[in-house]
Structures are given as C-alpha cells and as structure tokens.
Protein backbone atom coordinates (compact mmCIF):
# COMPACT_ATOMS: atom_id res chain seq x y z
CA MET A 1 -10.28 -154.33 2.63
CA ILE A 2 -8.54 -151.60 4.62
CA ILE A 3 -5.87 -150.02 2.42
CA THR A 4 -2.86 -148.93 4.44
CA ASP A 5 0.40 -147.24 3.43
CA GLU A 6 2.21 -150.45 4.33
CA LYS A 7 0.14 -152.47 1.87
CA LEU A 8 0.50 -149.86 -0.86
CA LYS A 9 4.27 -150.01 -0.52
CA GLY A 10 4.50 -153.69 0.40
CA SER A 11 5.05 -156.90 -1.55
CA ILE A 12 3.65 -157.48 -5.00
CA GLU A 13 1.18 -159.90 -3.41
CA ASP A 14 -0.11 -157.11 -1.17
CA LYS A 15 -0.45 -154.77 -4.14
CA MET A 16 -2.26 -157.37 -6.24
CA ALA A 17 -4.65 -158.04 -3.36
CA ILE A 18 -5.43 -154.32 -3.18
CA ALA A 19 -5.91 -154.07 -6.95
CA ASP A 20 -8.21 -157.12 -6.91
CA SER A 21 -10.51 -155.39 -4.42
CA PHE A 22 -11.33 -152.57 -6.84
CA ASN A 23 -14.19 -152.36 -9.31
CA LEU A 24 -14.74 -150.08 -12.28
CA MET A 25 -17.20 -147.95 -10.32
CA ASP A 26 -14.20 -146.86 -8.23
CA ASP A 27 -13.11 -143.76 -10.11
CA ASP A 28 -9.37 -144.32 -9.64
CA PHE A 29 -9.53 -147.88 -10.97
CA PHE A 30 -11.85 -146.78 -13.77
CA ALA A 31 -9.38 -144.07 -14.78
CA VAL A 32 -6.45 -146.50 -14.84
CA VAL A 33 -8.33 -149.08 -16.93
CA MET A 34 -9.66 -146.47 -19.37
CA ARG A 35 -6.09 -145.55 -20.32
CA ASP A 36 -6.26 -148.68 -22.45
CA LYS A 37 -7.69 -147.33 -25.72
CA ALA A 38 -9.11 -150.71 -26.75
CA ALA A 39 -10.94 -151.07 -23.42
CA CYS A 40 -12.20 -147.50 -23.67
CA SER A 41 -13.37 -148.03 -27.26
CA TYR A 42 -15.24 -151.18 -26.24
CA THR A 43 -16.89 -149.50 -23.25
CA LEU A 44 -18.06 -146.48 -25.23
CA SER A 45 -19.25 -148.64 -28.13
CA ARG A 46 -21.40 -150.73 -25.80
CA LEU A 47 -22.77 -147.78 -23.86
CA LEU A 48 -23.69 -145.78 -26.95
CA ASP A 49 -24.58 -148.77 -29.12
CA LYS A 50 -22.37 -147.70 -32.00
CA LYS A 51 -18.95 -148.70 -33.25
CA LEU A 52 -16.21 -146.20 -32.52
CA ASN A 53 -12.44 -146.13 -32.32
CA VAL A 54 -10.74 -144.18 -29.54
CA ILE A 55 -7.39 -142.69 -30.57
CA LYS A 56 -6.61 -140.77 -27.37
CA VAL A 57 -7.56 -141.01 -23.70
CA ASP A 58 -6.70 -138.68 -20.83
CA THR A 59 -7.67 -139.77 -17.33
CA GLN A 60 -7.96 -137.70 -14.17
CA TYR A 61 -7.89 -134.80 -16.62
CA ALA A 62 -7.75 -131.48 -14.77
CA ILE A 63 -9.28 -128.29 -16.17
CA ARG A 64 -8.01 -125.45 -13.99
CA ASN A 65 -10.12 -122.36 -13.42
CA TYR A 66 -8.21 -119.95 -11.23
CA ASN A 67 -11.18 -117.59 -10.98
CA GLY A 68 -13.73 -120.27 -10.24
CA HIS A 69 -14.33 -123.98 -9.79
CA SER A 70 -11.78 -126.36 -11.33
CA VAL A 71 -12.80 -129.86 -12.44
CA VAL A 72 -11.06 -133.21 -12.74
CA LEU A 73 -12.58 -135.55 -15.32
CA ASP A 74 -12.46 -139.32 -14.77
CA ALA A 75 -11.81 -139.90 -18.47
CA LEU A 76 -11.77 -137.74 -21.59
CA ALA A 77 -11.52 -139.67 -24.85
CA GLU A 78 -11.26 -138.67 -28.50
CA ASP A 79 -12.24 -140.92 -31.40
CA ASP A 80 -10.93 -141.05 -34.96
CA GLU A 81 -13.64 -138.58 -36.04
CA HIS A 82 -12.38 -136.14 -33.37
CA LYS A 83 -15.51 -136.44 -31.28
CA LEU A 84 -14.99 -136.06 -27.53
CA TYR A 85 -16.32 -138.33 -24.78
CA ASN A 86 -16.32 -137.39 -21.11
CA ILE A 87 -17.03 -140.45 -18.96
CA GLU A 88 -17.73 -140.12 -15.24
CA VAL A 89 -18.52 -142.78 -12.64
CA GLN A 90 -20.28 -141.93 -9.39
CA VAL A 91 -21.04 -144.27 -6.50
CA LYS A 92 -22.49 -141.79 -4.01
CA ASN A 93 -25.39 -139.53 -4.89
CA LYS A 94 -23.67 -136.41 -3.54
CA ASP A 95 -24.31 -133.93 -6.36
CA TYR A 96 -27.20 -132.85 -8.54
CA HIS A 97 -25.82 -134.54 -11.61
CA PRO A 98 -27.33 -132.39 -14.41
CA LYS A 99 -25.81 -129.22 -12.93
CA ARG A 100 -22.46 -130.97 -12.61
CA VAL A 101 -22.67 -132.14 -16.23
CA ARG A 102 -23.62 -128.63 -17.30
CA TYR A 103 -20.50 -127.22 -15.67
CA TYR A 104 -18.29 -129.92 -17.17
CA GLN A 105 -19.68 -129.10 -20.62
CA ALA A 106 -18.98 -125.40 -20.14
CA SER A 107 -15.43 -126.14 -18.97
CA LEU A 108 -14.75 -128.36 -21.97
CA ASP A 109 -16.26 -125.90 -24.44
CA THR A 110 -14.10 -123.10 -23.05
CA LEU A 111 -11.03 -125.31 -23.25
CA PHE A 112 -11.52 -126.51 -26.82
CA LEU A 113 -12.71 -123.30 -28.51
CA GLU A 114 -9.72 -121.06 -29.06
CA LYS A 115 -9.80 -117.29 -29.38
CA ASN A 116 -11.23 -116.07 -32.71
CA GLN A 117 -12.55 -119.53 -33.60
CA ASN A 118 -16.10 -119.80 -34.89
CA TYR A 119 -18.61 -121.58 -32.65
CA LYS A 120 -19.02 -124.12 -35.43
CA GLU A 121 -15.53 -125.35 -34.53
CA LEU A 122 -16.71 -126.69 -31.18
CA PRO A 123 -16.18 -130.46 -31.21
CA GLU A 124 -19.08 -132.86 -30.91
CA LEU A 125 -19.25 -133.81 -27.25
CA TYR A 126 -20.70 -136.84 -25.48
CA LEU A 127 -21.29 -136.45 -21.74
CA ILE A 128 -21.63 -139.86 -20.13
CA PHE A 129 -22.48 -140.16 -16.46
CA ILE A 130 -22.60 -143.63 -14.88
CA SER A 131 -24.22 -143.80 -11.45
CA ALA A 132 -24.59 -146.63 -8.93
CA THR A 133 -28.04 -145.30 -8.01
CA ASP A 134 -31.21 -144.71 -10.01
CA TRP A 135 -31.42 -141.05 -9.05
CA LEU A 136 -33.92 -140.37 -11.86
CA LYS A 137 -36.10 -143.15 -10.42
CA GLY A 138 -37.33 -144.30 -13.82
CA GLY A 139 -36.22 -147.91 -13.54
CA LYS A 140 -34.17 -147.61 -16.73
CA CYS A 141 -30.55 -148.53 -17.43
CA LYS A 142 -30.09 -145.60 -19.77
CA TYR A 143 -31.53 -142.10 -19.86
CA THR A 144 -30.95 -139.93 -22.94
CA VAL A 145 -31.37 -136.17 -22.57
CA CYS A 146 -32.54 -134.21 -25.63
CA ARG A 147 -32.90 -130.48 -26.28
CA MET A 148 -36.37 -129.97 -27.68
CA VAL A 149 -38.66 -127.05 -28.55
CA ASP A 150 -41.79 -127.40 -26.41
CA GLU A 151 -44.15 -125.89 -28.96
CA THR A 152 -43.08 -127.92 -32.00
CA HIS A 153 -41.35 -130.92 -30.40
CA GLN A 154 -38.45 -130.21 -32.73
CA GLU A 155 -35.12 -131.52 -31.47
CA ILE A 156 -32.26 -128.99 -31.48
CA ASP A 157 -28.81 -130.41 -32.18
CA ASN A 158 -26.08 -128.29 -30.61
CA GLY A 159 -23.47 -131.04 -30.82
CA VAL A 160 -23.86 -132.10 -27.19
CA HIS A 161 -25.12 -135.59 -26.34
CA GLU A 162 -26.02 -136.20 -22.70
CA TYR A 163 -26.50 -139.67 -21.23
CA TYR A 164 -27.09 -141.00 -17.72
CA PHE A 165 -26.54 -144.68 -17.05
CA ASN A 166 -27.97 -146.46 -14.03
CA ALA A 167 -26.14 -149.47 -12.60
CA ALA A 168 -28.81 -150.03 -9.94
CA VAL A 169 -31.23 -151.69 -12.37
CA ASP A 170 -30.62 -155.10 -13.94
CA ASP A 171 -33.27 -155.71 -16.59
CA GLY A 172 -31.35 -158.58 -18.18
CA SER A 173 -30.31 -156.56 -21.23
CA SER A 174 -26.78 -156.59 -22.61
CA LEU A 175 -26.37 -153.00 -21.43
CA ALA A 176 -27.44 -153.94 -17.91
CA LYS A 177 -24.92 -156.80 -17.91
CA LEU A 178 -22.15 -154.35 -18.78
CA LEU A 179 -23.24 -151.96 -16.01
CA GLN A 180 -23.30 -154.84 -13.53
CA TYR A 181 -19.76 -155.71 -14.58
CA LEU A 182 -18.69 -152.18 -13.73
CA LYS A 183 -19.89 -152.88 -10.17
CA ASN A 184 -18.35 -156.35 -9.97
CA SER A 185 -15.28 -156.26 -12.18
CA SER A 186 -13.86 -159.75 -12.06
CA ALA A 187 -10.54 -160.29 -13.79
CA ASP A 188 -11.76 -163.75 -14.81
CA ASN A 189 -14.82 -162.59 -16.76
CA SER A 190 -14.32 -162.80 -20.52
CA SER A 191 -17.76 -161.60 -21.64
CA PHE A 192 -16.97 -157.96 -22.34
CA GLY A 193 -14.39 -157.82 -25.10
CA GLU A 194 -11.27 -155.81 -24.37
CA LEU A 195 -12.54 -154.47 -21.05
CA PRO A 196 -11.84 -157.57 -18.88
CA LYS A 197 -8.42 -157.87 -20.51
CA ALA A 198 -7.49 -154.44 -19.19
CA VAL A 199 -9.01 -155.29 -15.80
CA TYR A 200 -6.97 -158.50 -15.71
CA ASN A 201 -3.81 -156.58 -16.57
CA HIS A 202 -4.26 -154.24 -13.59
CA LYS A 203 -5.42 -156.90 -11.15
CA ARG A 204 -3.39 -159.99 -11.95
CA THR A 205 -0.06 -158.77 -13.34
CA ALA A 206 2.74 -157.30 -11.26
CA LYS A 207 3.18 -154.25 -13.50
CA GLY A 208 -0.53 -153.50 -13.63
CA ALA A 209 -1.09 -153.90 -9.89
CA ASP A 210 1.91 -151.70 -9.20
CA SER A 211 0.56 -148.89 -11.40
CA MET A 212 -2.86 -149.24 -9.79
CA CYS A 213 -1.44 -148.87 -6.30
CA GLU A 214 0.61 -145.88 -7.42
CA ALA A 215 -2.61 -144.24 -8.63
CA VAL A 216 -4.34 -144.96 -5.31
CA GLU A 217 -1.34 -143.66 -3.38
CA ASN A 218 -1.32 -140.43 -5.39
CA TYR A 219 -5.04 -140.10 -4.76
CA GLY A 220 -4.38 -140.51 -1.04
CA TYR A 221 -1.79 -137.76 -1.12
CA ARG A 222 -4.24 -135.44 -2.88
CA LYS A 223 -6.98 -136.14 -0.35
CA GLU A 224 -4.54 -135.65 2.52
CA ALA A 225 -3.51 -132.26 1.13
CA GLU A 226 -7.15 -131.28 0.64
CA GLY A 227 -7.84 -132.32 4.22
CA ARG A 228 -5.08 -130.07 5.53
CA VAL A 229 -6.47 -127.08 3.62
CA GLU A 230 -9.97 -127.84 4.85
CA GLY A 231 -8.72 -128.09 8.45
CA ARG A 232 -6.97 -124.74 8.16
CA ALA A 233 -10.12 -123.21 6.65
CA TYR A 234 -12.21 -124.43 9.59
CA GLU A 235 -9.71 -122.94 12.05
CA ILE A 236 -9.91 -119.55 10.32
CA ILE A 237 -13.71 -119.65 10.24
CA ALA A 238 -13.99 -120.57 13.93
CA LEU A 239 -11.61 -117.82 15.02
CA MET A 240 -13.34 -115.17 12.93
CA LEU A 241 -16.79 -116.18 14.13
CA GLU A 242 -15.57 -115.75 17.69
CA THR A 243 -14.60 -112.16 16.88
CA GLY A 244 -18.02 -111.46 15.38
CA ALA A 245 -16.85 -111.21 11.76
CA ASP A 246 -19.56 -111.29 9.11
CA ASP A 247 -19.84 -113.75 6.25
CA GLU A 248 -18.22 -111.47 3.68
CA ALA A 249 -15.17 -110.84 5.87
CA ILE A 250 -14.73 -114.55 6.60
CA ILE A 251 -14.89 -115.50 2.93
CA ALA A 252 -12.42 -112.75 2.02
CA ARG A 253 -10.00 -113.97 4.70
CA LEU A 254 -10.24 -117.56 3.47
CA MET A 255 -9.47 -116.43 -0.07
CA SER A 256 -6.42 -114.41 0.95
CA ARG A 257 -4.96 -116.80 3.54
CA LEU A 258 -5.50 -120.04 1.61
CA GLU A 259 -5.12 -118.56 -1.90
CA ILE A 260 -8.37 -120.13 -3.06
CA SER A 261 -11.25 -118.95 -5.22
CA LYS A 262 -14.33 -117.28 -3.78
CA GLU A 263 -16.41 -120.31 -4.75
CA ARG A 264 -14.11 -122.69 -2.87
CA ALA A 265 -14.11 -120.36 0.17
CA ILE A 266 -17.90 -120.37 0.19
CA GLU A 267 -17.90 -124.17 -0.05
CA TYR A 268 -15.67 -124.44 3.03
CA TYR A 269 -17.78 -121.91 4.92
CA ASN A 270 -21.07 -123.66 4.11
CA ALA A 271 -19.59 -127.06 5.01
CA TYR A 272 -18.37 -125.68 8.33
CA LYS A 273 -21.78 -124.21 9.18
CA LYS A 274 -23.49 -127.47 8.21
CA GLN A 275 -21.09 -129.47 10.38
CA GLU A 276 -21.54 -127.14 13.34
CA GLY A 277 -25.30 -127.25 12.91
CA LYS A 278 -25.28 -131.04 13.20
CA ALA A 279 -23.01 -130.88 16.24
CA GLU A 280 -25.48 -128.61 18.06
CA LYS A 281 -28.43 -131.01 17.61
C-alpha cells in the first residue's frame, strides 16, 4: 500500500486500511503496540522464556548526545524488579548490529548512572535485537551472547544480557511462531496472549487506527526534516569540493552551518562520497 498524506488525514476507513497494512517488524507499529504494558510483558516473557511484569514502557525513546551520536530506541521497558529491556526491530540489514547494541548499552548506562553513584547501581539491562534476516547465519531463532574468559571458560556477569532473534528461520518452535507473527501480525490471530489484542486495538478500532496514523505521520515529518538537512549538507559539500576544500574544512563547515555533531557531519560527507562514486560508474 502506498501511504499518502490524503490517506493519513482521510476517513477512518482509510486510516484503518493503513493500520491493517502494518506488521510488528515495522518499527513505528511495533512502538505503538508496545505502549500496551500487557502486550509488552507477554512479548518479553515469550522471548526470554521467563515470567515478567512490565510496569513502564517508553517508545521511540530519544537519548540525546549533543557532542556525539544520539539514539532513538524502539522500546525501553522496566519491570517490577526495575530491570530494563531495550527492544529493537530491524527489517533491513543496514548496520553491524553488535556495534549498534554496544553503543545503545553505553548510552543507557550513561543515562541511568547518576553522578557520584557507585557502578553497582547500574540497572540490570536486557538488550534485545529482533532482525528479519539471519545475519549470524547460524540457522537459529535465538542467539545469546555471553561474556566469557577464554582461558577458564568462566562466564562474567556484568548485568548486561544480549540477545539476537532471527525471524528468517521457522523451526516450528513456539519462539519461531512468535517471530513469524511479528512479520505477519494479523488482528484476527488469538494465539499470542495479550499481543494480538493490542494489535487488534490499533488495526480494527477507530481510536487505535487514528493513533497509529498519527505516529506514522509524525515519522514522516521527521524523515522529511532529516531529508532537508541532508540535502543542504550535500549542497555545502558539493560547493566546497568545487573550491578545492579539504575534508577537514568541509566537515567543519557542515558542523557550523547545520549545527550538527562532528560524527553526523562525517556521516553526511561519507554518504555523499559514496553516492557520487556510484554515479560515476
């Protein structure tokens, strides 16, 4: 389905049709559904194979870093034991996921450890990454990462639990069935506890479909704004290259003109060079 502004702002039937086209592997729909604490509790319990009770969920949770790379988490949940769960869904294999997870962990640790607190106060953290592809190529639905001493094979517990889930493999297990549901999230499926109830609410009720379309519309506005900044960055880069400016000068100009971090300026510059390289071939 092609989602247009007219459909986003149109009749409730149009909005419900848009909402019905989404699945839980779409990060915006996933974020909206995970706001339901019961649905989030069920999803985490099934993924981690343990009973837990979510008491708080923040979705599209932004951690701003004005001197570096900011992040926006799909969902950040807290259970009744004050353990934290960061859940991410990814359809395209565009990043090296362990490095991304590493940065997310660092961002969360910095956020939740206040000045003068002891490191022991860091909350227990579960990093959960759900991918549509088997990027580890092990043919497994679930990959658990452990910190271990090579020489003694002793596991080191630093309070971080790292999991990668693969929705590309269907081995017939109950976990695989849940992952397949994330890819094909029917509102009429009743096999997954509270999760389909939340899906139904956002696909088949007027209020839910309206909130879903509002989320998609806001996402569109964000992407449009990002596109404008990127376009301006490319203009600056092209003009400065024509004058013979070096890399350092171009990055400095991007930072000052666009009021962005050095890391973001480098990202724009590398993307521009990659794009121009393809155009020359």
